[in-house]
All heavy atoms as atom14 arrays in JSON, in Angstrom:
{
  "sequence": "RRAGPVIFMVSVVIWFLGYFPQNGELQSSYLAMIGQWIEPIFEPLGL",
  "atom14_mask": [
    [1, 1, 1, 1, 1, 1, 1, 1, 1, 1, 1, 0, 0, 0],
    [1, 1, 1, 1, 1, 1, 1, 1, 1, 1, 1, 0, 0, 0],
    [1, 1, 1, 1, 1, 0, 0, 0, 0, 0, 0, 0, 0, 0],
    [1, 1, 1, 1, 0, 0, 0, 0, 0, 0, 0, 0, 0, 0],
    [1, 1, 1, 1, 1, 1, 1, 0, 0, 0, 0, 0, 0, 0],
    [1, 1, 1, 1, 1, 1, 1, 0, 0, 0, 0, 0, 0, 0],
    [1, 1, 1, 1, 1, 1, 1, 1, 0, 0, 0, 0, 0, 0],
    [1, 1, 1, 1, 1, 1, 1, 1, 1, 1, 1, 0, 0, 0],
    [1, 1, 1, 1, 1, 1, 1, 1, 0, 0, 0, 0, 0, 0],
    [1, 1, 1, 1, 1, 1, 1, 0, 0, 0, 0, 0, 0, 0],
    [1, 1, 1, 1, 1, 1, 0, 0, 0, 0, 0, 0, 0, 0],
    [1, 1, 1, 1, 1, 1, 1, 0, 0, 0, 0, 0, 0, 0],
    [1, 1, 1, 1, 1, 1, 1, 0, 0, 0, 0, 0, 0, 0],
    [1, 1, 1, 1, 1, 1, 1, 1, 0, 0, 0, 0, 0, 0],
    [1, 1, 1, 1, 1, 1, 1, 1, 1, 1, 1, 1, 1, 1],
    [1, 1, 1, 1, 1, 1, 1, 1, 1, 1, 1, 0, 0, 0],
    [1, 1, 1, 1, 1, 1, 1, 1, 0, 0, 0, 0, 0, 0],
    [1, 1, 1, 1, 0, 0, 0, 0, 0, 0, 0, 0, 0, 0],
    [1, 1, 1, 1, 1, 1, 1, 1, 1, 1, 1, 1, 0, 0],
    [1, 1, 1, 1, 1, 1, 1, 1, 1, 1, 1, 0, 0, 0],
    [1, 1, 1, 1, 1, 1, 1, 0, 0, 0, 0, 0, 0, 0],
    [1, 1, 1, 1, 1, 1, 1, 1, 1, 0, 0, 0, 0, 0],
    [1, 1, 1, 1, 1, 1, 1, 1, 0, 0, 0, 0, 0, 0],
    [1, 1, 1, 1, 0, 0, 0, 0, 0, 0, 0, 0, 0, 0],
    [1, 1, 1, 1, 1, 1, 1, 1, 1, 0, 0, 0, 0, 0],
    [1, 1, 1, 1, 1, 1, 1, 1, 0, 0, 0, 0, 0, 0],
    [1, 1, 1, 1, 1, 1, 1, 1, 1, 0, 0, 0, 0, 0],
    [1, 1, 1, 1, 1, 1, 0, 0, 0, 0, 0, 0, 0, 0],
    [1, 1, 1, 1, 1, 1, 0, 0, 0, 0, 0, 0, 0, 0],
    [1, 1, 1, 1, 1, 1, 1, 1, 1, 1, 1, 1, 0, 0],
    [1, 1, 1, 1, 1, 1, 1, 1, 0, 0, 0, 0, 0, 0],
    [1, 1, 1, 1, 1, 0, 0, 0, 0, 0, 0, 0, 0, 0],
    [1, 1, 1, 1, 1, 1, 1, 1, 0, 0, 0, 0, 0, 0],
    [1, 1, 1, 1, 1, 1, 1, 1, 0, 0, 0, 0, 0, 0],
    [1, 1, 1, 1, 0, 0, 0, 0, 0, 0, 0, 0, 0, 0],
    [1, 1, 1, 1, 1, 1, 1, 1, 1, 0, 0, 0, 0, 0],
    [1, 1, 1, 1, 1, 1, 1, 1, 1, 1, 1, 1, 1, 1],
    [1, 1, 1, 1, 1, 1, 1, 1, 0, 0, 0, 0, 0, 0],
    [1, 1, 1, 1, 1, 1, 1, 1, 1, 0, 0, 0, 0, 0],
    [1, 1, 1, 1, 1, 1, 1, 0, 0, 0, 0, 0, 0, 0],
    [1, 1, 1, 1, 1, 1, 1, 1, 0, 0, 0, 0, 0, 0],
    [1, 1, 1, 1, 1, 1, 1, 1, 1, 1, 1, 0, 0, 0],
    [1, 1, 1, 1, 1, 1, 1, 1, 1, 0, 0, 0, 0, 0],
    [1, 1, 1, 1, 1, 1, 1, 0, 0, 0, 0, 0, 0, 0],
    [1, 1, 1, 1, 1, 1, 1, 1, 0, 0, 0, 0, 0, 0],
    [1, 1, 1, 1, 0, 0, 0, 0, 0, 0, 0, 0, 0, 0],
    [1, 1, 1, 1, 1, 1, 1, 1, 0, 0, 0, 0, 0, 0]
  ],
  "atom14_positions": [
    [[11.7, -5.2, 23.26], [10.38, -5.74, 23.5], [9.28, -4.88, 22.91], [8.27, -5.39, 22.42], [10.15, -5.9, 25.03], [10.91, -7.03, 25.64], [10.76, -7.03, 27.16], [11.52, -8.11, 27.79], [11.69, -8.24, 29.08], [11.15, -7.32, 29.92], [12.38, -9.23, 29.6], [0.0, 0.0, 0.0], [0.0, 0.0, 0.0], [0.0, 0.0, 0.0]],
    [[9.47, -3.56, 22.98], [8.46, -2.63, 22.46], [8.44, -2.64, 20.93], [7.39, -2.73, 20.31], [8.69, -1.22, 22.97], [7.62, -0.22, 22.57], [7.96, 1.2, 23.0], [9.06, 1.73, 22.24], [10.23, 2.09, 22.72], [10.47, 1.94, 24.0], [11.19, 2.58, 21.94], [0.0, 0.0, 0.0], [0.0, 0.0, 0.0], [0.0, 0.0, 0.0]],
    [[9.63, -2.54, 20.34], [9.68, -2.4, 18.9], [9.79, -3.73, 18.17], [9.31, -3.86, 17.05], [10.89, -1.53, 18.52], [0.0, 0.0, 0.0], [0.0, 0.0, 0.0], [0.0, 0.0, 0.0], [0.0, 0.0, 0.0], [0.0, 0.0, 0.0], [0.0, 0.0, 0.0], [0.0, 0.0, 0.0], [0.0, 0.0, 0.0], [0.0, 0.0, 0.0]],
    [[10.41, -4.73, 18.81], [10.65, -6.02, 18.17], [9.41, -6.69, 17.61], [9.39, -7.03, 16.4], [0.0, 0.0, 0.0], [0.0, 0.0, 0.0], [0.0, 0.0, 0.0], [0.0, 0.0, 0.0], [0.0, 0.0, 0.0], [0.0, 0.0, 0.0], [0.0, 0.0, 0.0], [0.0, 0.0, 0.0], [0.0, 0.0, 0.0], [0.0, 0.0, 0.0]],
    [[8.38, -6.9, 18.42], [7.17, -7.55, 17.89], [6.51, -6.8, 16.73], [6.05, -7.39, 15.76], [6.23, -7.61, 19.11], [7.15, -7.57, 20.3], [8.27, -6.69, 19.88], [0.0, 0.0, 0.0], [0.0, 0.0, 0.0], [0.0, 0.0, 0.0], [0.0, 0.0, 0.0], [0.0, 0.0, 0.0], [0.0, 0.0, 0.0], [0.0, 0.0, 0.0]],
    [[6.48, -5.45, 16.86], [5.88, -4.65, 15.8], [6.7, -4.75, 14.52], [6.15, -4.94, 13.43], [5.8, -3.15, 16.24], [5.23, -2.3, 15.11], [4.91, -3.02, 17.49], [0.0, 0.0, 0.0], [0.0, 0.0, 0.0], [0.0, 0.0, 0.0], [0.0, 0.0, 0.0], [0.0, 0.0, 0.0], [0.0, 0.0, 0.0], [0.0, 0.0, 0.0]],
    [[8.02, -4.63, 14.66], [8.89, -4.74, 13.51], [8.78, -6.13, 12.86], [8.78, -6.28, 11.64], [10.35, -4.4, 13.86], [10.45, -2.9, 14.2], [11.32, -4.76, 12.77], [11.8, -2.46, 14.68], [0.0, 0.0, 0.0], [0.0, 0.0, 0.0], [0.0, 0.0, 0.0], [0.0, 0.0, 0.0], [0.0, 0.0, 0.0], [0.0, 0.0, 0.0]],
    [[8.69, -7.15, 13.71], [8.57, -8.52, 13.19], [7.28, -8.65, 12.36], [7.31, -9.17, 11.22], [8.56, -9.51, 14.33], [8.28, -10.92, 13.91], [9.25, -11.69, 13.28], [7.02, -11.49, 14.11], [9.0, -12.98, 12.87], [6.76, -12.8, 13.72], [7.73, -13.54, 13.08], [0.0, 0.0, 0.0], [0.0, 0.0, 0.0], [0.0, 0.0, 0.0]],
    [[6.16, -8.19, 12.92], [4.87, -8.34, 12.23], [4.88, -7.53, 10.91], [4.43, -8.0, 9.89], [3.73, -7.87, 13.14], [3.46, -8.82, 14.27], [1.96, -8.37, 15.23], [2.5, -6.86, 16.01], [0.0, 0.0, 0.0], [0.0, 0.0, 0.0], [0.0, 0.0, 0.0], [0.0, 0.0, 0.0], [0.0, 0.0, 0.0], [0.0, 0.0, 0.0]],
    [[5.4, -6.29, 10.99], [5.46, -5.44, 9.8], [6.38, -6.06, 8.76], [6.06, -6.09, 7.56], [5.91, -4.01, 10.17], [6.23, -3.22, 8.89], [4.86, -3.3, 10.99], [0.0, 0.0, 0.0], [0.0, 0.0, 0.0], [0.0, 0.0, 0.0], [0.0, 0.0, 0.0], [0.0, 0.0, 0.0], [0.0, 0.0, 0.0], [0.0, 0.0, 0.0]],
    [[7.52, -6.61, 9.21], [8.48, -7.22, 8.29], [7.84, -8.42, 7.6], [8.05, -8.61, 6.37], [9.74, -7.67, 9.04], [10.41, -6.55, 9.58], [0.0, 0.0, 0.0], [0.0, 0.0, 0.0], [0.0, 0.0, 0.0], [0.0, 0.0, 0.0], [0.0, 0.0, 0.0], [0.0, 0.0, 0.0], [0.0, 0.0, 0.0], [0.0, 0.0, 0.0]],
    [[7.12, -9.23, 8.34], [6.46, -10.41, 7.75], [5.43, -10.0, 6.7], [5.39, -10.54, 5.59], [5.8, -11.27, 8.85], [4.91, -12.35, 8.22], [6.87, -11.92, 9.73], [0.0, 0.0, 0.0], [0.0, 0.0, 0.0], [0.0, 0.0, 0.0], [0.0, 0.0, 0.0], [0.0, 0.0, 0.0], [0.0, 0.0, 0.0], [0.0, 0.0, 0.0]],
    [[4.58, -9.01, 7.07], [3.55, -8.55, 6.15], [4.18, -7.96, 4.87], [3.77, -8.27, 3.74], [2.62, -7.53, 6.82], [1.7, -6.86, 5.81], [1.82, -8.16, 7.92], [0.0, 0.0, 0.0], [0.0, 0.0, 0.0], [0.0, 0.0, 0.0], [0.0, 0.0, 0.0], [0.0, 0.0, 0.0], [0.0, 0.0, 0.0], [0.0, 0.0, 0.0]],
    [[5.2, -7.12, 5.07], [5.86, -6.49, 3.92], [6.54, -7.55, 3.06], [6.51, -7.48, 1.83], [6.87, -5.44, 4.4], [6.12, -4.21, 4.95], [7.82, -5.02, 3.29], [7.03, -3.16, 5.51], [0.0, 0.0, 0.0], [0.0, 0.0, 0.0], [0.0, 0.0, 0.0], [0.0, 0.0, 0.0], [0.0, 0.0, 0.0], [0.0, 0.0, 0.0]],
    [[7.14, -8.55, 3.71], [7.83, -9.6, 2.93], [6.82, -10.37, 2.07], [7.08, -10.62, 0.9], [8.56, -10.56, 3.88], [9.34, -11.57, 3.11], [10.61, -11.46, 2.62], [8.91, -12.89, 2.73], [10.98, -12.62, 1.96], [9.96, -13.52, 2.01], [7.7, -13.6, 2.96], [9.84, -14.8, 1.51], [7.6, -14.9, 2.45], [8.65, -15.48, 1.73]],
    [[5.7, -10.77, 2.66], [4.71, -11.51, 1.89], [4.13, -10.68, 0.74], [3.99, -11.17, -0.38], [3.57, -11.98, 2.81], [3.84, -13.31, 3.46], [4.26, -13.39, 4.78], [3.66, -14.5, 2.75], [4.52, -14.6, 5.38], [3.9, -15.73, 3.34], [4.35, -15.79, 4.67], [0.0, 0.0, 0.0], [0.0, 0.0, 0.0], [0.0, 0.0, 0.0]],
    [[3.83, -9.4, 1.02], [3.31, -8.53, -0.03], [4.37, -8.27, -1.09], [4.04, -8.07, -2.27], [2.84, -7.21, 0.58], [1.57, -7.26, 1.45], [1.32, -5.9, 2.05], [0.38, -7.71, 0.64], [0.0, 0.0, 0.0], [0.0, 0.0, 0.0], [0.0, 0.0, 0.0], [0.0, 0.0, 0.0], [0.0, 0.0, 0.0], [0.0, 0.0, 0.0]],
    [[5.64, -8.24, -0.66], [6.71, -7.98, -1.62], [7.21, -9.23, -2.34], [7.85, -9.11, -3.41], [0.0, 0.0, 0.0], [0.0, 0.0, 0.0], [0.0, 0.0, 0.0], [0.0, 0.0, 0.0], [0.0, 0.0, 0.0], [0.0, 0.0, 0.0], [0.0, 0.0, 0.0], [0.0, 0.0, 0.0], [0.0, 0.0, 0.0], [0.0, 0.0, 0.0]],
    [[6.93, -10.41, -1.79], [7.45, -11.65, -2.39], [6.49, -12.24, -3.42], [6.93, -12.85, -4.41], [7.7, -12.67, -1.29], [8.55, -13.84, -1.7], [9.95, -13.75, -1.73], [7.95, -15.05, -2.02], [10.71, -14.84, -2.1], [8.72, -16.15, -2.39], [10.12, -16.04, -2.42], [10.87, -17.12, -2.79], [0.0, 0.0, 0.0], [0.0, 0.0, 0.0]],
    [[5.22, -12.07, -3.19], [4.22, -12.67, -4.05], [3.59, -11.59, -4.93], [3.56, -10.41, -4.58], [3.15, -13.36, -3.2], [3.64, -14.54, -2.4], [3.86, -14.41, -1.05], [3.96, -15.73, -3.02], [4.34, -15.48, -0.31], [4.42, -16.81, -2.3], [4.63, -16.68, -0.94], [0.0, 0.0, 0.0], [0.0, 0.0, 0.0], [0.0, 0.0, 0.0]],
    [[3.09, -11.92, -6.11], [2.85, -13.3, -6.62], [4.0, -13.84, -7.47], [3.89, -14.97, -7.95], [1.61, -13.09, -7.49], [1.76, -11.72, -8.04], [2.41, -10.9, -6.93], [0.0, 0.0, 0.0], [0.0, 0.0, 0.0], [0.0, 0.0, 0.0], [0.0, 0.0, 0.0], [0.0, 0.0, 0.0], [0.0, 0.0, 0.0], [0.0, 0.0, 0.0]],
    [[5.09, -13.07, -7.64], [6.16, -13.51, -8.56], [7.38, -14.08, -7.85], [8.48, -14.08, -8.39], [6.58, -12.3, -9.42], [5.49, -11.74, -10.29], [5.02, -12.71, -11.34], [5.81, -13.54, -11.84], [3.74, -12.66, -11.68], [0.0, 0.0, 0.0], [0.0, 0.0, 0.0], [0.0, 0.0, 0.0], [0.0, 0.0, 0.0], [0.0, 0.0, 0.0]],
    [[7.21, -14.57, -6.59], [8.29, -15.22, -5.86], [9.57, -14.39, -5.79], [10.67, -14.83, -6.12], [8.61, -16.56, -6.47], [7.47, -17.56, -6.31], [6.69, -17.45, -5.36], [7.35, -18.53, -7.22], [0.0, 0.0, 0.0], [0.0, 0.0, 0.0], [0.0, 0.0, 0.0], [0.0, 0.0, 0.0], [0.0, 0.0, 0.0], [0.0, 0.0, 0.0]],
    [[9.43, -13.15, -5.3], [10.63, -12.34, -5.02], [10.89, -11.24, -6.02], [11.84, -10.46, -5.83], [0.0, 0.0, 0.0], [0.0, 0.0, 0.0], [0.0, 0.0, 0.0], [0.0, 0.0, 0.0], [0.0, 0.0, 0.0], [0.0, 0.0, 0.0], [0.0, 0.0, 0.0], [0.0, 0.0, 0.0], [0.0, 0.0, 0.0], [0.0, 0.0, 0.0]],
    [[10.12, -11.13, -7.07], [10.31, -10.02, -8.02], [9.53, -8.82, -7.48], [8.33, -8.7, -7.67], [9.8, -10.41, -9.41], [10.66, -11.49, -10.09], [10.2, -11.75, -11.51], [9.47, -10.88, -12.08], [10.58, -12.8, -12.04], [0.0, 0.0, 0.0], [0.0, 0.0, 0.0], [0.0, 0.0, 0.0], [0.0, 0.0, 0.0], [0.0, 0.0, 0.0]],
    [[10.25, -7.96, -6.81], [9.64, -6.87, -6.05], [8.81, -5.94, -6.93], [7.73, -5.49, -6.55], [10.7, -6.05, -5.31], [10.23, -5.0, -4.31], [9.43, -5.64, -3.21], [11.42, -4.25, -3.73], [0.0, 0.0, 0.0], [0.0, 0.0, 0.0], [0.0, 0.0, 0.0], [0.0, 0.0, 0.0], [0.0, 0.0, 0.0], [0.0, 0.0, 0.0]],
    [[9.32, -5.61, -8.12], [8.64, -4.66, -8.98], [7.28, -5.18, -9.47], [6.42, -4.39, -9.9], [9.53, -4.32, -10.18], [10.84, -3.64, -9.81], [10.62, -2.31, -9.1], [9.62, -1.62, -9.35], [11.56, -1.91, -8.25], [0.0, 0.0, 0.0], [0.0, 0.0, 0.0], [0.0, 0.0, 0.0], [0.0, 0.0, 0.0], [0.0, 0.0, 0.0]],
    [[7.06, -6.49, -9.4], [5.77, -7.07, -9.86], [4.93, -7.56, -8.68], [3.95, -8.28, -8.9], [6.07, -8.27, -10.82], [6.87, -7.85, -11.88], [0.0, 0.0, 0.0], [0.0, 0.0, 0.0], [0.0, 0.0, 0.0], [0.0, 0.0, 0.0], [0.0, 0.0, 0.0], [0.0, 0.0, 0.0], [0.0, 0.0, 0.0], [0.0, 0.0, 0.0]],
    [[5.29, -7.19, -7.47], [4.63, -7.69, -6.28], [3.39, -6.88, -5.92], [3.15, -5.8, -6.46], [5.59, -7.68, -5.08], [5.91, -6.33, -4.73], [0.0, 0.0, 0.0], [0.0, 0.0, 0.0], [0.0, 0.0, 0.0], [0.0, 0.0, 0.0], [0.0, 0.0, 0.0], [0.0, 0.0, 0.0], [0.0, 0.0, 0.0], [0.0, 0.0, 0.0]],
    [[2.61, -7.44, -4.96], [1.45, -6.71, -4.46], [1.89, -5.39, -3.78], [1.21, -4.38, -3.89], [0.71, -7.57, -3.44], [0.11, -8.84, -4.01], [0.42, -10.07, -3.43], [-0.74, -8.8, -5.12], [-0.14, -11.25, -3.93], [-1.29, -9.97, -5.62], [-0.96, -11.19, -5.04], [-1.49, -12.34, -5.56], [0.0, 0.0, 0.0], [0.0, 0.0, 0.0]],
    [[3.04, -5.46, -3.09], [3.53, -4.28, -2.4], [3.88, -3.18, -3.37], [3.62, -1.97, -3.09], [4.77, -4.64, -1.56], [5.26, -3.57, -0.56], [4.19, -3.29, 0.49], [6.53, -4.05, 0.13], [0.0, 0.0, 0.0], [0.0, 0.0, 0.0], [0.0, 0.0, 0.0], [0.0, 0.0, 0.0], [0.0, 0.0, 0.0], [0.0, 0.0, 0.0]],
    [[4.43, -3.54, -4.53], [4.77, -2.53, -5.54], [3.5, -1.87, -6.05], [3.49, -0.65, -6.31], [5.53, -3.2, -6.67], [0.0, 0.0, 0.0], [0.0, 0.0, 0.0], [0.0, 0.0, 0.0], [0.0, 0.0, 0.0], [0.0, 0.0, 0.0], [0.0, 0.0, 0.0], [0.0, 0.0, 0.0], [0.0, 0.0, 0.0], [0.0, 0.0, 0.0]],
    [[2.42, -2.64, -6.18], [1.15, -2.06, -6.66], [0.63, -1.02, -5.66], [0.2, 0.07, -6.05], [0.11, -3.18, -6.82], [0.46, -4.21, -7.85], [-0.79, -5.55, -7.89], [0.09, -6.82, -8.87], [0.0, 0.0, 0.0], [0.0, 0.0, 0.0], [0.0, 0.0, 0.0], [0.0, 0.0, 0.0], [0.0, 0.0, 0.0], [0.0, 0.0, 0.0]],
    [[0.7, -1.38, -4.36], [0.26, -0.44, -3.31], [1.18, 0.77, -3.27], [0.74, 1.94, -3.2], [0.24, -1.14, -1.93], [-0.76, -2.31, -1.93], [-0.11, -0.14, -0.83], [-0.67, -3.18, -0.7], [0.0, 0.0, 0.0], [0.0, 0.0, 0.0], [0.0, 0.0, 0.0], [0.0, 0.0, 0.0], [0.0, 0.0, 0.0], [0.0, 0.0, 0.0]],
    [[2.5, 0.49, -3.31], [3.48, 1.57, -3.21], [3.4, 2.55, -4.36], [3.54, 3.76, -4.17], [0.0, 0.0, 0.0], [0.0, 0.0, 0.0], [0.0, 0.0, 0.0], [0.0, 0.0, 0.0], [0.0, 0.0, 0.0], [0.0, 0.0, 0.0], [0.0, 0.0, 0.0], [0.0, 0.0, 0.0], [0.0, 0.0, 0.0], [0.0, 0.0, 0.0]],
    [[3.19, 2.05, -5.55], [3.14, 2.93, -6.72], [1.87, 3.78, -6.69], [1.84, 4.86, -7.29], [3.2, 2.09, -8.0], [4.61, 1.56, -8.24], [4.64, 0.36, -9.21], [3.62, 0.06, -9.84], [5.78, -0.26, -9.32], [0.0, 0.0, 0.0], [0.0, 0.0, 0.0], [0.0, 0.0, 0.0], [0.0, 0.0, 0.0], [0.0, 0.0, 0.0]],
    [[0.86, 3.33, -5.96], [-0.36, 4.14, -5.81], [-0.1, 5.37, -4.92], [-0.65, 6.43, -5.16], [-1.47, 3.25, -5.23], [-2.78, 4.0, -5.06], [-3.64, 4.38, -6.04], [-3.36, 4.41, -3.82], [-4.74, 5.03, -5.51], [-4.58, 5.09, -4.13], [-2.99, 4.31, -2.49], [-5.41, 5.59, -3.15], [-3.81, 4.84, -1.51], [-5.0, 5.48, -1.84]],
    [[0.76, 5.19, -3.87], [1.05, 6.31, -2.99], [2.34, 7.05, -3.39], [2.66, 8.09, -2.78], [1.22, 5.8, -1.52], [2.43, 4.86, -1.4], [-0.06, 5.17, -1.02], [2.79, 4.52, 0.02], [0.0, 0.0, 0.0], [0.0, 0.0, 0.0], [0.0, 0.0, 0.0], [0.0, 0.0, 0.0], [0.0, 0.0, 0.0], [0.0, 0.0, 0.0]],
    [[3.04, 6.58, -4.4], [4.33, 7.18, -4.78], [4.23, 8.66, -5.11], [5.12, 9.43, -4.8], [4.95, 6.39, -5.92], [6.38, 6.84, -6.23], [7.05, 5.92, -7.25], [6.38, 5.5, -8.21], [8.24, 5.62, -7.07], [0.0, 0.0, 0.0], [0.0, 0.0, 0.0], [0.0, 0.0, 0.0], [0.0, 0.0, 0.0], [0.0, 0.0, 0.0]],
    [[3.13, 9.12, -5.8], [3.04, 10.56, -6.12], [3.14, 11.47, -4.9], [3.55, 12.63, -5.01], [1.67, 10.67, -6.8], [1.43, 9.31, -7.39], [2.01, 8.36, -6.41], [0.0, 0.0, 0.0], [0.0, 0.0, 0.0], [0.0, 0.0, 0.0], [0.0, 0.0, 0.0], [0.0, 0.0, 0.0], [0.0, 0.0, 0.0], [0.0, 0.0, 0.0]],
    [[2.75, 10.96, -3.72], [2.84, 11.79, -2.49], [4.29, 12.03, -2.13], [4.66, 13.13, -1.69], [2.09, 11.1, -1.32], [0.62, 10.89, -1.66], [2.25, 11.9, -0.04], [-0.13, 10.05, -0.63], [0.0, 0.0, 0.0], [0.0, 0.0, 0.0], [0.0, 0.0, 0.0], [0.0, 0.0, 0.0], [0.0, 0.0, 0.0], [0.0, 0.0, 0.0]],
    [[5.15, 11.03, -2.32], [6.56, 11.1, -1.86], [7.51, 11.46, -2.98], [8.67, 11.73, -2.72], [6.95, 9.77, -1.2], [6.13, 9.46, 0.03], [5.04, 8.64, -0.03], [6.5, 10.02, 1.26], [4.3, 8.35, 1.11], [5.74, 9.76, 2.4], [4.64, 8.92, 2.32], [0.0, 0.0, 0.0], [0.0, 0.0, 0.0], [0.0, 0.0, 0.0]],
    [[7.05, 11.44, -4.23], [7.92, 11.75, -5.34], [8.5, 13.16, -5.26], [9.71, 13.34, -5.57], [7.16, 11.55, -6.67], [8.07, 11.55, -7.87], [7.31, 11.19, -9.14], [6.08, 10.96, -9.06], [7.96, 11.09, -10.18], [0.0, 0.0, 0.0], [0.0, 0.0, 0.0], [0.0, 0.0, 0.0], [0.0, 0.0, 0.0], [0.0, 0.0, 0.0]],
    [[7.73, 14.2, -4.84], [8.33, 15.54, -4.68], [9.48, 15.58, -3.65], [10.29, 16.53, -3.67], [7.17, 16.41, -4.22], [5.94, 15.68, -4.69], [6.28, 14.25, -4.59], [0.0, 0.0, 0.0], [0.0, 0.0, 0.0], [0.0, 0.0, 0.0], [0.0, 0.0, 0.0], [0.0, 0.0, 0.0], [0.0, 0.0, 0.0], [0.0, 0.0, 0.0]],
    [[9.55, 14.59, -2.77], [10.6, 14.52, -1.78], [11.82, 13.79, -2.27], [12.81, 13.6, -1.53], [10.11, 13.86, -0.46], [8.8, 14.38, 0.12], [8.5, 13.67, 1.44], [8.87, 15.87, 0.32], [0.0, 0.0, 0.0], [0.0, 0.0, 0.0], [0.0, 0.0, 0.0], [0.0, 0.0, 0.0], [0.0, 0.0, 0.0], [0.0, 0.0, 0.0]],
    [[11.8, 13.34, -3.53], [12.9, 12.6, -4.1], [12.94, 11.16, -3.66], [13.99, 10.48, -3.71], [0.0, 0.0, 0.0], [0.0, 0.0, 0.0], [0.0, 0.0, 0.0], [0.0, 0.0, 0.0], [0.0, 0.0, 0.0], [0.0, 0.0, 0.0], [0.0, 0.0, 0.0], [0.0, 0.0, 0.0], [0.0, 0.0, 0.0], [0.0, 0.0, 0.0]],
    [[11.81, 10.63, -3.17], [11.74, 9.26, -2.65], [10.82, 8.41, -3.49], [9.8, 8.9, -3.96], [11.22, 9.28, -1.22], [12.02, 10.15, -0.21], [11.3, 10.22, 1.13], [13.44, 9.6, -0.02], [0.0, 0.0, 0.0], [0.0, 0.0, 0.0], [0.0, 0.0, 0.0], [0.0, 0.0, 0.0], [0.0, 0.0, 0.0], [0.0, 0.0, 0.0]]
  ]
}
């Protein structure tokens, strides 16, 4: 009950950002644009 609703909402948001605008091509998605902006922070960690 505590984690389920939060995970559901986050999963839905991430899915939409990751699915569009290229219908499932993750590397060209809105999420990839956001992620690549923050990637330099996590790149030293091998992630």
